[in-house]
Amino acid sequence: MKKGMLLSLLLLGVLFFSVIALADSMGNASAEPKNGPKPTLINAENSEVMPNGNASVNAKKILAQVKERNEERKEQVLMYRGRYTIAKQKANLGIADFNAIKERLRNANASDKNKVREEVRVKSREILLNQVDAVINKLRVIAQSENAPDDINSSIDFFEGKKLLLENGEIPKKELIDCSKEIAQFWNKERHRLQIKTASKLNEGINGLVNKSEAFSKRIEAMILTLQENGKDTSELELGLAKLNMDLNSLADSYAELRLKLAEAETREDSREIFQEANSLLRKMNKQILEDFKLIKALFKGTRELGSAESISEETATELEEIVEGEINE
């Protein structure tokens, strides 16, 4: 093998394995949070205050279906994560072996060079195959998320095609080098596109939950007005509603800010800093919407209690106070 070809394969080992690291970071950003927003749960809670008596039954059926799908998805994710870890470990071990073979080639006698060059080809194919397998399984993990890009299967199909090619143990060294270059060129653009689409979809998803929460806010406001007309003290509910509306305004601003950041990322080759900022903002938004779901639940509970008593229960009052004061103390 010529020196240039050897260096190309060595460079591939560095470049493409960094792609696996980037796939890791993309997976963290795009995968559905373990305790992430689940709008169906909010609908289920809301069904308890609906006049339709069948709403609670329907909501329970929907919730059971959602739980079943989530369990199936978790099983798939665990399977693909396990395969990813194994493939990545094999690739790591292969790179160490590759470096040792490279050193042997450098010091080999002329009569032994062809034999060692063949070892380089064999080990390079093995490393690249494991790297491709690792990325396929990382992408399949991401594909299990509701926030995955709609066309993520096209990326998986590309790597599946390369995996099929690399499974040929006799693949010539030129085809191997060409394959590695095609992978590096494809993923250099594709990872950037997938990161943008994944973050955008997650941003839109959170914004959809914000819109639903705004509808809940209006319903709660109407219920509070009715309670006030009936002479009830709604001060605790009003504080909770004020916090909810403030949070929703903040989330709307974050949504707009993130859209601008992602639009900027589309026009820049080096968007690492932008994606770091976007991921940080998404985590903050996700945490906030989860807290607001708790607040909505507590507000609905408080309005129900106040509708049938002179005051809300101590438990609900404490819950509302902790949520509101928690925001003030942060």
C-alpha atoms as a PDB file:
ATOM      1  CA  MET A   1       0.000   0.000   0.000  1.00  0.00           C
ATOM      2  CA  LYS A   2       1.296   3.438  -0.899  1.00  0.00           C
ATOM      3  CA  LYS A   3       2.075   5.848   1.903  1.00  0.00           C
ATOM      4  CA  GLY A   4      -0.743   8.167   0.824  1.00  0.00           C
ATOM      5  CA  MET A   5      -3.278   5.360   0.965  1.00  0.00           C
ATOM      6  CA  LEU A   6      -2.096   4.279   4.399  1.00  0.00           C
ATOM      7  CA  LEU A   7      -2.378   7.812   5.679  1.00  0.00           C
ATOM      8  CA  SER A   8      -5.845   8.096   4.145  1.00  0.00           C
ATOM      9  CA  LEU A   9      -7.015   5.085   6.114  1.00  0.00           C
ATOM     10  CA  LEU A  10      -5.360   6.305   9.299  1.00  0.00           C
ATOM     11  CA  LEU A  11      -6.945   9.725   8.846  1.00  0.00           C
ATOM     12  CA  LEU A  12     -10.286   8.041   8.320  1.00  0.00           C
ATOM     13  CA  GLY A  13      -9.907   6.278  11.651  1.00  0.00           C
ATOM     14  CA  VAL A  14      -9.517   9.648  13.345  1.00  0.00           C
ATOM     15  CA  LEU A  15     -12.137  11.549  11.379  1.00  0.00           C
ATOM     16  CA  PHE A  16     -14.837   8.941  11.275  1.00  0.00           C
ATOM     17  CA  PHE A  17     -14.514   7.961  14.891  1.00  0.00           C
ATOM     18  CA  SER A  18     -15.011  11.620  15.787  1.00  0.00           C
ATOM     19  CA  VAL A  19     -18.238  11.299  13.836  1.00  0.00           C
ATOM     20  CA  ILE A  20     -19.363   8.642  16.301  1.00  0.00           C
ATOM     21  CA  ALA A  21     -18.679  11.116  19.096  1.00  0.00           C
ATOM     22  CA  LEU A  22     -20.772  13.698  17.268  1.00  0.00           C
ATOM     23  CA  ALA A  23     -23.511  11.134  16.821  1.00  0.00           C
ATOM     24  CA  ASP A  24     -23.401  10.694  20.603  1.00  0.00           C
ATOM     25  CA  SER A  25     -23.920  14.400  21.210  1.00  0.00           C
ATOM     26  CA  MET A  26     -26.642  14.542  18.571  1.00  0.00           C
ATOM     27  CA  GLY A  27     -28.379  11.633  20.225  1.00  0.00           C
ATOM     28  CA  ASN A  28     -28.385  13.435  23.558  1.00  0.00           C
ATOM     29  CA  ALA A  29     -29.952  16.441  21.973  1.00  0.00           C
ATOM     30  CA  SER A  30     -32.495  14.672  19.872  1.00  0.00           C
ATOM     31  CA  ALA A  31     -33.571  11.778  21.951  1.00  0.00           C
ATOM     32  CA  GLU A  32     -36.773  12.196  23.876  1.00  0.00           C
ATOM     33  CA  PRO A  33     -35.947  13.150  27.483  1.00  0.00           C
ATOM     34  CA  LYS A  34     -36.451  10.345  30.010  1.00  0.00           C
ATOM     35  CA  ASN A  35     -38.968  12.503  31.849  1.00  0.00           C
ATOM     36  CA  GLY A  36     -39.873  14.560  28.809  1.00  0.00           C
ATOM     37  CA  PRO A  37     -43.138  16.281  27.983  1.00  0.00           C
ATOM     38  CA  LYS A  38     -46.029  13.902  27.414  1.00  0.00           C
ATOM     39  CA  PRO A  39     -49.070  15.888  26.249  1.00  0.00           C
ATOM     40  CA  THR A  40     -51.316  12.843  26.470  1.00  0.00           C
ATOM     41  CA  LEU A  41     -50.774  12.786  30.218  1.00  0.00           C
ATOM     42  CA  ILE A  42     -51.924  16.363  30.456  1.00  0.00           C
ATOM     43  CA  ASN A  43     -55.036  15.544  28.461  1.00  0.00           C
ATOM     44  CA  ALA A  44     -55.689  12.648  30.787  1.00  0.00           C
ATOM     45  CA  GLU A  45     -55.455  14.903  33.810  1.00  0.00           C
ATOM     46  CA  ASN A  46     -57.631  17.481  32.124  1.00  0.00           C
ATOM     47  CA  SER A  47     -60.302  14.880  31.380  1.00  0.00           C
ATOM     48  CA  GLU A  48     -61.211  14.814  35.059  1.00  0.00           C
ATOM     49  CA  VAL A  49     -62.658  18.315  34.840  1.00  0.00           C
ATOM     50  CA  MET A  50     -64.494  17.783  31.556  1.00  0.00           C
ATOM     51  CA  PRO A  51     -68.292  17.526  31.748  1.00  0.00           C
ATOM     52  CA  ASN A  52     -68.247  14.463  29.491  1.00  0.00           C
ATOM     53  CA  GLY A  53     -68.246  11.409  31.764  1.00  0.00           C
ATOM     54  CA  ASN A  54     -66.583   9.248  29.124  1.00  0.00           C
ATOM     55  CA  ALA A  55     -63.566  11.532  28.881  1.00  0.00           C
ATOM     56  CA  SER A  56     -61.746   9.940  31.819  1.00  0.00           C
ATOM     57  CA  VAL A  57     -62.336   6.439  30.422  1.00  0.00           C
ATOM     58  CA  ASN A  58     -61.110   7.459  26.966  1.00  0.00           C
ATOM     59  CA  ALA A  59     -58.096   9.184  28.441  1.00  0.00           C
ATOM     60  CA  LYS A  60     -57.170   6.027  30.371  1.00  0.00           C
ATOM     61  CA  LYS A  61     -57.338   3.966  27.183  1.00  0.00           C
ATOM     62  CA  ILE A  62     -55.150   6.471  25.355  1.00  0.00           C
ATOM     63  CA  LEU A  63     -52.722   6.540  28.270  1.00  0.00           C
ATOM     64  CA  ALA A  64     -52.496   2.738  28.270  1.00  0.00           C
ATOM     65  CA  GLN A  65     -51.748   2.757  24.538  1.00  0.00           C
ATOM     66  CA  VAL A  66     -49.084   5.422  24.998  1.00  0.00           C
ATOM     67  CA  LYS A  67     -47.460   3.433  27.818  1.00  0.00           C
ATOM     68  CA  GLU A  68     -47.436   0.301  25.658  1.00  0.00           C
ATOM     69  CA  ARG A  69     -45.781   2.161  22.769  1.00  0.00           C
ATOM     70  CA  ASN A  70     -43.263   3.715  25.131  1.00  0.00           C
ATOM     71  CA  GLU A  71     -42.349   0.287  26.546  1.00  0.00           C
ATOM     72  CA  GLU A  72     -41.820  -1.108  23.053  1.00  0.00           C
ATOM     73  CA  ARG A  73     -39.717   1.919  22.189  1.00  0.00           C
ATOM     74  CA  LYS A  74     -37.611   1.512  25.339  1.00  0.00           C
ATOM     75  CA  GLU A  75     -36.907  -2.119  24.457  1.00  0.00           C
ATOM     76  CA  GLN A  76     -35.796  -1.111  20.965  1.00  0.00           C
ATOM     77  CA  VAL A  77     -33.608   1.674  22.333  1.00  0.00           C
ATOM     78  CA  LEU A  78     -31.910  -0.673  24.824  1.00  0.00           C
ATOM     79  CA  MET A  79     -31.242  -3.194  22.064  1.00  0.00           C
ATOM     80  CA  TYR A  80     -29.731  -0.636  19.680  1.00  0.00           C
ATOM     81  CA  ARG A  81     -27.707   1.008  22.449  1.00  0.00           C
ATOM     82  CA  GLY A  82     -26.246  -2.370  23.348  1.00  0.00           C
ATOM     83  CA  ARG A  83     -25.299  -3.043  19.724  1.00  0.00           C
ATOM     84  CA  TYR A  84     -23.836   0.459  19.443  1.00  0.00           C
ATOM     85  CA  THR A  85     -21.653  -0.042  22.521  1.00  0.00           C
ATOM     86  CA  ILE A  86     -20.331  -3.391  21.281  1.00  0.00           C
ATOM     87  CA  ALA A  87     -19.542  -2.049  17.805  1.00  0.00           C
ATOM     88  CA  LYS A  88     -17.842   1.041  19.229  1.00  0.00           C
ATOM     89  CA  GLN A  89     -15.715  -1.065  21.590  1.00  0.00           C
ATOM     90  CA  LYS A  90     -14.674  -3.321  18.711  1.00  0.00           C
ATOM     91  CA  ALA A  91     -13.720  -0.276  16.640  1.00  0.00           C
ATOM     92  CA  ASN A  92     -11.652   1.140  19.519  1.00  0.00           C
ATOM     93  CA  LEU A  93      -9.780  -2.115  19.949  1.00  0.00           C
ATOM     94  CA  GLY A  94      -9.277  -2.328  16.190  1.00  0.00           C
ATOM     95  CA  ILE A  95      -7.714   1.140  16.067  1.00  0.00           C
ATOM     96  CA  ALA A  96      -5.159   0.097  18.698  1.00  0.00           C
ATOM     97  CA  ASP A  97      -4.331  -2.995  16.623  1.00  0.00           C
ATOM     98  CA  PHE A  98      -4.183  -0.868  13.461  1.00  0.00           C
ATOM     99  CA  ASN A  99      -1.585   1.426  15.006  1.00  0.00           C
ATOM    100  CA  ALA A 100       0.529  -1.573  15.938  1.00  0.00           C
ATOM    101  CA  ILE A 101       0.293  -2.968  12.385  1.00  0.00           C
ATOM    102  CA  LYS A 102       1.184   0.450  10.978  1.00  0.00           C
ATOM    103  CA  GLU A 103       4.326   0.484  13.094  1.00  0.00           C
ATOM    104  CA  ARG A 104       5.231  -2.995  11.898  1.00  0.00           C
ATOM    105  CA  LEU A 105       4.790  -1.895   8.288  1.00  0.00           C
ATOM    106  CA  ARG A 106       7.112   1.027   8.855  1.00  0.00           C
ATOM    107  CA  ASN A 107       9.819  -1.277  10.159  1.00  0.00           C
ATOM    108  CA  ALA A 108       9.159  -4.299   7.931  1.00  0.00           C
ATOM    109  CA  ASN A 109      11.706  -5.730   5.531  1.00  0.00           C
ATOM    110  CA  ALA A 110      10.951  -5.432   1.821  1.00  0.00           C
ATOM    111  CA  SER A 111      10.075  -9.128   1.669  1.00  0.00           C
ATOM    112  CA  ASP A 112       7.480  -8.769   4.424  1.00  0.00           C
ATOM    113  CA  LYS A 113       5.836  -5.502   3.385  1.00  0.00           C
ATOM    114  CA  ASN A 114       3.197  -7.033   1.091  1.00  0.00           C
ATOM    115  CA  LYS A 115       2.055  -9.378   3.852  1.00  0.00           C
ATOM    116  CA  VAL A 116       1.822  -6.527   6.388  1.00  0.00           C
ATOM    117  CA  ARG A 117       0.040  -4.320   3.858  1.00  0.00           C
ATOM    118  CA  GLU A 118      -2.618  -6.997   3.533  1.00  0.00           C
ATOM    119  CA  GLU A 119      -2.969  -6.983   7.323  1.00  0.00           C
ATOM    120  CA  VAL A 120      -3.491  -3.219   7.104  1.00  0.00           C
ATOM    121  CA  ARG A 121      -6.288  -3.713   4.555  1.00  0.00           C
ATOM    122  CA  VAL A 122      -7.954  -6.429   6.630  1.00  0.00           C
ATOM    123  CA  LYS A 123      -7.797  -4.435   9.855  1.00  0.00           C
ATOM    124  CA  SER A 124      -8.935  -1.212   8.135  1.00  0.00           C
ATOM    125  CA  ARG A 125     -11.992  -2.979   6.727  1.00  0.00           C
ATOM    126  CA  GLU A 126     -12.777  -4.407  10.158  1.00  0.00           C
ATOM    127  CA  ILE A 127     -12.502  -1.002  11.851  1.00  0.00           C
ATOM    128  CA  LEU A 128     -14.605   0.765   9.264  1.00  0.00           C
ATOM    129  CA  LEU A 129     -17.261  -1.957   9.364  1.00  0.00           C
ATOM    130  CA  ASN A 130     -17.560  -1.639  13.154  1.00  0.00           C
ATOM    131  CA  GLN A 131     -17.655   2.147  12.940  1.00  0.00           C
ATOM    132  CA  VAL A 132     -20.432   2.003  10.359  1.00  0.00           C
ATOM    133  CA  ASP A 133     -22.326  -0.515  12.494  1.00  0.00           C
ATOM    134  CA  ALA A 134     -21.960   1.785  15.513  1.00  0.00           C
ATOM    135  CA  VAL A 135     -23.366   4.771  13.628  1.00  0.00           C
ATOM    136  CA  ILE A 136     -26.260   2.701  12.251  1.00  0.00           C
ATOM    137  CA  ASN A 137     -27.279   1.680  15.760  1.00  0.00           C
ATOM    138  CA  LYS A 138     -26.849   5.226  17.101  1.00  0.00           C
ATOM    139  CA  LEU A 139     -29.122   6.481  14.328  1.00  0.00           C
ATOM    140  CA  ARG A 140     -31.636   3.744  15.119  1.00  0.00           C
ATOM    141  CA  VAL A 141     -31.683   4.917  18.733  1.00  0.00           C
ATOM    142  CA  ILE A 142     -32.415   8.450  17.550  1.00  0.00           C
ATOM    143  CA  ALA A 143     -35.075   7.115  15.150  1.00  0.00           C
ATOM    144  CA  GLN A 144     -37.025   5.730  18.127  1.00  0.00           C
ATOM    145  CA  SER A 145     -37.545   9.261  19.416  1.00  0.00           C
ATOM    146  CA  GLU A 146     -40.654  11.199  18.469  1.00  0.00           C
ATOM    147  CA  ASN A 147     -38.278  14.086  17.822  1.00  0.00           C
ATOM    148  CA  ALA A 148     -36.275  12.248  15.153  1.00  0.00           C
ATOM    149  CA  PRO A 149     -36.213  13.775  11.651  1.00  0.00           C
ATOM    150  CA  ASP A 150     -38.868  12.254   9.400  1.00  0.00           C
ATOM    151  CA  ASP A 151     -36.256  11.219   6.839  1.00  0.00           C
ATOM    152  CA  ILE A 152     -33.692   9.722   9.235  1.00  0.00           C
ATOM    153  CA  ASN A 153     -34.179   6.337   7.550  1.00  0.00           C
ATOM    154  CA  SER A 154     -32.453   7.704   4.452  1.00  0.00           C
ATOM    155  CA  SER A 155     -29.298   8.205   6.545  1.00  0.00           C
ATOM    156  CA  ILE A 156     -29.623   4.699   7.955  1.00  0.00           C
ATOM    157  CA  ASP A 157     -30.079   3.294   4.446  1.00  0.00           C
ATOM    158  CA  PHE A 158     -26.850   4.972   3.295  1.00  0.00           C
ATOM    159  CA  PHE A 159     -24.846   3.346   6.074  1.00  0.00           C
ATOM    160  CA  GLU A 160     -26.601   0.003   5.599  1.00  0.00           C
ATOM    161  CA  GLY A 161     -25.443   0.080   1.981  1.00  0.00           C
ATOM    162  CA  LYS A 162     -21.865   0.746   3.058  1.00  0.00           C
ATOM    163  CA  LYS A 163     -22.077  -1.976   5.684  1.00  0.00           C
ATOM    164  CA  LEU A 164     -23.143  -4.483   3.028  1.00  0.00           C
ATOM    165  CA  LEU A 165     -20.143  -3.470   0.921  1.00  0.00           C
ATOM    166  CA  LEU A 166     -17.743  -3.726   3.855  1.00  0.00           C
ATOM    167  CA  GLU A 167     -18.993  -7.168   4.859  1.00  0.00           C
ATOM    168  CA  ASN A 168     -17.087  -8.463   1.843  1.00  0.00           C
ATOM    169  CA  GLY A 169     -13.827  -9.589   3.424  1.00  0.00           C
ATOM    170  CA  GLU A 170     -12.060  -9.478   0.073  1.00  0.00           C
ATOM    171  CA  ILE A 171     -12.916  -5.868  -0.765  1.00  0.00           C
ATOM    172  CA  PRO A 172      -9.951  -4.347  -2.665  1.00  0.00           C
ATOM    173  CA  LYS A 173      -7.993  -1.617  -0.919  1.00  0.00           C
ATOM    174  CA  LYS A 174      -8.977   0.997  -3.514  1.00  0.00           C
ATOM    175  CA  GLU A 175     -12.691   0.309  -2.978  1.00  0.00           C
ATOM    176  CA  LEU A 176     -12.077   0.414   0.748  1.00  0.00           C
ATOM    177  CA  ILE A 177     -10.461   3.842   0.534  1.00  0.00           C
ATOM    178  CA  ASP A 178     -13.176   5.121  -1.813  1.00  0.00           C
ATOM    179  CA  CYS A 179     -15.828   3.810   0.576  1.00  0.00           C
ATOM    180  CA  SER A 180     -14.187   5.570   3.529  1.00  0.00           C
ATOM    181  CA  LYS A 181     -14.043   8.864   1.625  1.00  0.00           C
ATOM    182  CA  GLU A 182     -17.692   8.618   0.595  1.00  0.00           C
ATOM    183  CA  ILE A 183     -18.687   7.968   4.197  1.00  0.00           C
ATOM    184  CA  ALA A 184     -16.668  10.911   5.508  1.00  0.00           C
ATOM    185  CA  GLN A 185     -18.020  13.276   2.834  1.00  0.00           C
ATOM    186  CA  PHE A 186     -21.620  12.136   3.353  1.00  0.00           C
ATOM    187  CA  TRP A 187     -21.570  12.314   7.135  1.00  0.00           C
ATOM    188  CA  ASN A 188     -19.818  15.664   7.241  1.00  0.00           C
ATOM    189  CA  LYS A 189     -22.915  17.210   5.636  1.00  0.00           C
ATOM    190  CA  GLU A 190     -25.552  14.814   6.908  1.00  0.00           C
ATOM    191  CA  ARG A 191     -24.742  15.119  10.605  1.00  0.00           C
ATOM    192  CA  HIS A 192     -25.112  18.897  10.305  1.00  0.00           C
ATOM    193  CA  ARG A 193     -28.463  18.555   8.545  1.00  0.00           C
ATOM    194  CA  LEU A 194     -29.742  15.987  11.057  1.00  0.00           C
ATOM    195  CA  GLN A 195     -28.723  18.134  14.018  1.00  0.00           C
ATOM    196  CA  ILE A 196     -30.641  21.096  12.639  1.00  0.00           C
ATOM    197  CA  LYS A 197     -33.727  19.060  11.770  1.00  0.00           C
ATOM    198  CA  THR A 198     -33.726  17.255  15.116  1.00  0.00           C
ATOM    199  CA  ALA A 199     -33.380  20.447  17.137  1.00  0.00           C
ATOM    200  CA  SER A 200     -36.022  22.154  14.982  1.00  0.00           C
ATOM    201  CA  LYS A 201     -38.486  19.315  15.474  1.00  0.00           C
ATOM    202  CA  LEU A 202     -37.936  19.283  19.214  1.00  0.00           C
ATOM    203  CA  ASN A 203     -38.361  23.064  19.305  1.00  0.00           C
ATOM    204  CA  GLU A 204     -41.629  22.820  17.365  1.00  0.00           C
ATOM    205  CA  GLY A 205     -42.804  20.026  19.652  1.00  0.00           C
ATOM    206  CA  ILE A 206     -42.194  22.080  22.769  1.00  0.00           C
ATOM    207  CA  ASN A 207     -43.885  25.057  21.142  1.00  0.00           C
ATOM    208  CA  GLY A 208     -46.916  22.865  20.426  1.00  0.00           C
ATOM    209  CA  LEU A 209     -47.080  22.000  24.120  1.00  0.00           C
ATOM    210  CA  VAL A 210     -46.792  25.691  24.953  1.00  0.00           C
ATOM    211  CA  ASN A 211     -49.783  26.417  22.697  1.00  0.00           C
ATOM    212  CA  LYS A 212     -51.794  23.710  24.452  1.00  0.00           C
ATOM    213  CA  SER A 213     -50.742  25.113  27.806  1.00  0.00           C
ATOM    214  CA  GLU A 214     -51.980  28.548  26.731  1.00  0.00           C
ATOM    215  CA  ALA A 215     -55.369  27.004  26.047  1.00  0.00           C
ATOM    216  CA  PHE A 216     -55.323  25.477  29.531  1.00  0.00           C
ATOM    217  CA  SER A 217     -54.374  28.876  30.949  1.00  0.00           C
ATOM    218  CA  LYS A 218     -57.435  30.489  29.377  1.00  0.00           C
ATOM    219  CA  ARG A 219     -59.695  27.776  30.759  1.00  0.00           C
ATOM    220  CA  ILE A 220     -58.218  28.167  34.214  1.00  0.00           C
ATOM    221  CA  GLU A 221     -58.652  31.947  33.993  1.00  0.00           C
ATOM    222  CA  ALA A 222     -62.335  31.504  33.117  1.00  0.00           C
ATOM    223  CA  MET A 223     -62.804  29.093  36.018  1.00  0.00           C
ATOM    224  CA  ILE A 224     -61.137  31.547  38.407  1.00  0.00           C
ATOM    225  CA  LEU A 225     -63.489  34.327  37.267  1.00  0.00           C
ATOM    226  CA  THR A 226     -66.478  32.081  37.964  1.00  0.00           C
ATOM    227  CA  LEU A 227     -65.135  31.288  41.426  1.00  0.00           C
ATOM    228  CA  GLN A 228     -64.645  35.007  42.106  1.00  0.00           C
ATOM    229  CA  GLU A 229     -68.237  35.708  41.091  1.00  0.00           C
ATOM    230  CA  ASN A 230     -69.261  33.121  43.664  1.00  0.00           C
ATOM    231  CA  GLY A 231     -67.364  35.001  46.334  1.00  0.00           C
ATOM    232  CA  LYS A 232     -64.409  32.604  46.642  1.00  0.00           C
ATOM    233  CA  ASP A 233     -60.867  33.680  47.555  1.00  0.00           C
ATOM    234  CA  THR A 234     -58.800  32.862  44.458  1.00  0.00           C
ATOM    235  CA  SER A 235     -55.595  34.683  45.406  1.00  0.00           C
ATOM    236  CA  GLU A 236     -53.480  31.501  45.502  1.00  0.00           C
ATOM    237  CA  LEU A 237     -54.816  30.396  42.125  1.00  0.00           C
ATOM    238  CA  GLU A 238     -54.182  33.849  40.657  1.00  0.00           C
ATOM    239  CA  LEU A 239     -50.522  33.719  41.719  1.00  0.00           C
ATOM    240  CA  GLY A 240     -50.150  30.318  40.106  1.00  0.00           C
ATOM    241  CA  LEU A 241     -51.832  31.497  36.917  1.00  0.00           C
ATOM    242  CA  ALA A 242     -49.602  34.586  36.779  1.00  0.00           C
ATOM    243  CA  LYS A 243     -46.511  32.382  37.008  1.00  0.00           C
ATOM    244  CA  LEU A 244     -47.852  30.064  34.321  1.00  0.00           C
ATOM    245  CA  ASN A 245     -48.472  32.936  31.925  1.00  0.00           C
ATOM    246  CA  MET A 246     -45.039  34.399  32.627  1.00  0.00           C
ATOM    247  CA  ASP A 247     -43.426  31.025  31.920  1.00  0.00           C
ATOM    248  CA  LEU A 248     -45.370  30.589  28.684  1.00  0.00           C
ATOM    249  CA  ASN A 249     -44.274  34.032  27.481  1.00  0.00           C
ATOM    250  CA  SER A 250     -40.675  33.119  28.290  1.00  0.00           C
ATOM    251  CA  LEU A 251     -40.998  29.818  26.409  1.00  0.00           C
ATOM    252  CA  ALA A 252     -42.444  31.628  23.393  1.00  0.00           C
ATOM    253  CA  ASP A 253     -39.424  33.954  23.405  1.00  0.00           C
ATOM    254  CA  SER A 254     -37.060  30.955  23.677  1.00  0.00           C
ATOM    255  CA  TYR A 255     -38.829  29.278  20.759  1.00  0.00           C
ATOM    256  CA  ALA A 256     -38.288  32.341  18.565  1.00  0.00           C
ATOM    257  CA  GLU A 257     -34.661  32.660  19.688  1.00  0.00           C
ATOM    258  CA  LEU A 258     -33.955  29.018  18.910  1.00  0.00           C
ATOM    259  CA  ARG A 259     -35.479  29.300  15.445  1.00  0.00           C
ATOM    260  CA  LEU A 260     -33.071  32.152  14.717  1.00  0.00           C
ATOM    261  CA  LYS A 261     -30.089  30.163  16.009  1.00  0.00           C
ATOM    262  CA  LEU A 262     -30.957  27.144  13.872  1.00  0.00           C
ATOM    263  CA  ALA A 263     -31.486  29.331  10.821  1.00  0.00           C
ATOM    264  CA  GLU A 264     -28.002  30.757  11.415  1.00  0.00           C
ATOM    265  CA  ALA A 265     -26.585  27.232  11.762  1.00  0.00           C
ATOM    266  CA  GLU A 266     -27.844  26.352   8.276  1.00  0.00           C
ATOM    267  CA  THR A 267     -25.554  28.964   6.729  1.00  0.00           C
ATOM    268  CA  ARG A 268     -22.403  28.143   8.707  1.00  0.00           C
ATOM    269  CA  GLU A 269     -20.004  25.243   8.281  1.00  0.00           C
ATOM    270  CA  ASP A 270     -18.752  25.392  11.873  1.00  0.00           C
ATOM    271  CA  SER A 271     -21.916  25.410  13.969  1.00  0.00           C
ATOM    272  CA  ARG A 272     -20.620  23.621  17.054  1.00  0.00           C
ATOM    273  CA  GLU A 273     -21.052  26.650  19.298  1.00  0.00           C
ATOM    274  CA  ILE A 274     -24.547  27.300  17.967  1.00  0.00           C
ATOM    275  CA  PHE A 275     -25.588  23.692  18.598  1.00  0.00           C
ATOM    276  CA  GLN A 276     -24.203  23.850  22.129  1.00  0.00           C
ATOM    277  CA  GLU A 277     -26.281  26.954  22.777  1.00  0.00           C
ATOM    278  CA  ALA A 278     -29.319  25.343  21.138  1.00  0.00           C
ATOM    279  CA  ASN A 279     -28.990  22.183  23.220  1.00  0.00           C
ATOM    280  CA  SER A 280     -28.656  24.226  26.400  1.00  0.00           C
ATOM    281  CA  LEU A 281     -31.754  26.229  25.500  1.00  0.00           C
ATOM    282  CA  LEU A 282     -33.727  23.079  24.650  1.00  0.00           C
ATOM    283  CA  ARG A 283     -32.841  21.516  28.011  1.00  0.00           C
ATOM    284  CA  LYS A 284     -33.952  24.677  29.771  1.00  0.00           C
ATOM    285  CA  MET A 285     -37.227  24.777  27.807  1.00  0.00           C
ATOM    286  CA  ASN A 286     -37.911  21.111  28.492  1.00  0.00           C
ATOM    287  CA  LYS A 287     -37.334  21.563  32.213  1.00  0.00           C
ATOM    288  CA  GLN A 288     -39.618  24.590  32.246  1.00  0.00           C
ATOM    289  CA  ILE A 289     -42.494  22.927  30.408  1.00  0.00           C
ATOM    290  CA  LEU A 290     -42.330  19.972  32.813  1.00  0.00           C
ATOM    291  CA  GLU A 291     -42.644  22.336  35.754  1.00  0.00           C
ATOM    292  CA  ASP A 292     -45.539  24.102  34.079  1.00  0.00           C
ATOM    293  CA  PHE A 293     -47.335  20.793  33.563  1.00  0.00           C
ATOM    294  CA  LYS A 294     -47.150  20.285  37.321  1.00  0.00           C
ATOM    295  CA  LEU A 295     -48.469  23.806  37.824  1.00  0.00           C
ATOM    296  CA  ILE A 296     -51.387  23.250  35.418  1.00  0.00           C
ATOM    297  CA  LYS A 297     -52.301  20.051  37.259  1.00  0.00           C
ATOM    298  CA  ALA A 298     -52.182  21.845  40.617  1.00  0.00           C
ATOM    299  CA  LEU A 299     -54.284  24.758  39.282  1.00  0.00           C
ATOM    300  CA  PHE A 300     -56.994  22.437  37.940  1.00  0.00           C
ATOM    301  CA  LYS A 301     -56.980  20.583  41.242  1.00  0.00           C
ATOM    302  CA  GLY A 302     -57.274  23.864  43.149  1.00  0.00           C
ATOM    303  CA  THR A 303     -60.207  25.123  41.060  1.00  0.00           C
ATOM    304  CA  ARG A 304     -62.068  21.841  41.595  1.00  0.00           C
ATOM    305  CA  GLU A 305     -61.495  21.988  45.337  1.00  0.00           C
ATOM    306  CA  LEU A 306     -62.503  25.616  45.589  1.00  0.00           C
ATOM    307  CA  GLY A 307     -65.639  24.902  43.583  1.00  0.00           C
ATOM    308  CA  SER A 308     -66.909  22.576  46.298  1.00  0.00           C
ATOM    309  CA  ALA A 309     -65.379  24.134  49.443  1.00  0.00           C
ATOM    310  CA  GLU A 310     -64.584  27.494  50.986  1.00  0.00           C
ATOM    311  CA  SER A 311     -60.860  27.101  50.361  1.00  0.00           C
ATOM    312  CA  ILE A 312     -58.415  24.848  48.576  1.00  0.00           C
ATOM    313  CA  SER A 313     -56.791  22.057  50.550  1.00  0.00           C
ATOM    314  CA  GLU A 314     -53.588  22.652  52.480  1.00  0.00           C
ATOM    315  CA  GLU A 315     -51.809  20.117  50.288  1.00  0.00           C
ATOM    316  CA  THR A 316     -52.727  21.909  47.060  1.00  0.00           C
ATOM    317  CA  ALA A 317     -51.976  25.324  48.561  1.00  0.00           C
ATOM    318  CA  THR A 318     -48.520  24.120  49.601  1.00  0.00           C
ATOM    319  CA  GLU A 319     -47.888  22.637  46.168  1.00  0.00           C
ATOM    320  CA  LEU A 320     -48.819  25.894  44.442  1.00  0.00           C
ATOM    321  CA  GLU A 321     -46.726  27.927  46.858  1.00  0.00           C
ATOM    322  CA  GLU A 322     -43.658  25.735  46.341  1.00  0.00           C
ATOM    323  CA  ILE A 323     -43.921  25.975  42.547  1.00  0.00           C
ATOM    324  CA  VAL A 324     -44.360  29.744  42.565  1.00  0.00           C
ATOM    325  CA  GLU A 325     -41.705  30.446  45.208  1.00  0.00           C
ATOM    326  CA  GLY A 326     -39.337  27.969  43.580  1.00  0.00           C
ATOM    327  CA  GLU A 327     -39.362  30.163  40.467  1.00  0.00           C
ATOM    328  CA  ILE A 328     -38.728  33.296  42.534  1.00  0.00           C
ATOM    329  CA  ASN A 329     -35.804  31.714  44.424  1.00  0.00           C
ATOM    330  CA  GLU A 330     -34.036  30.371  41.315  1.00  0.00           C
END
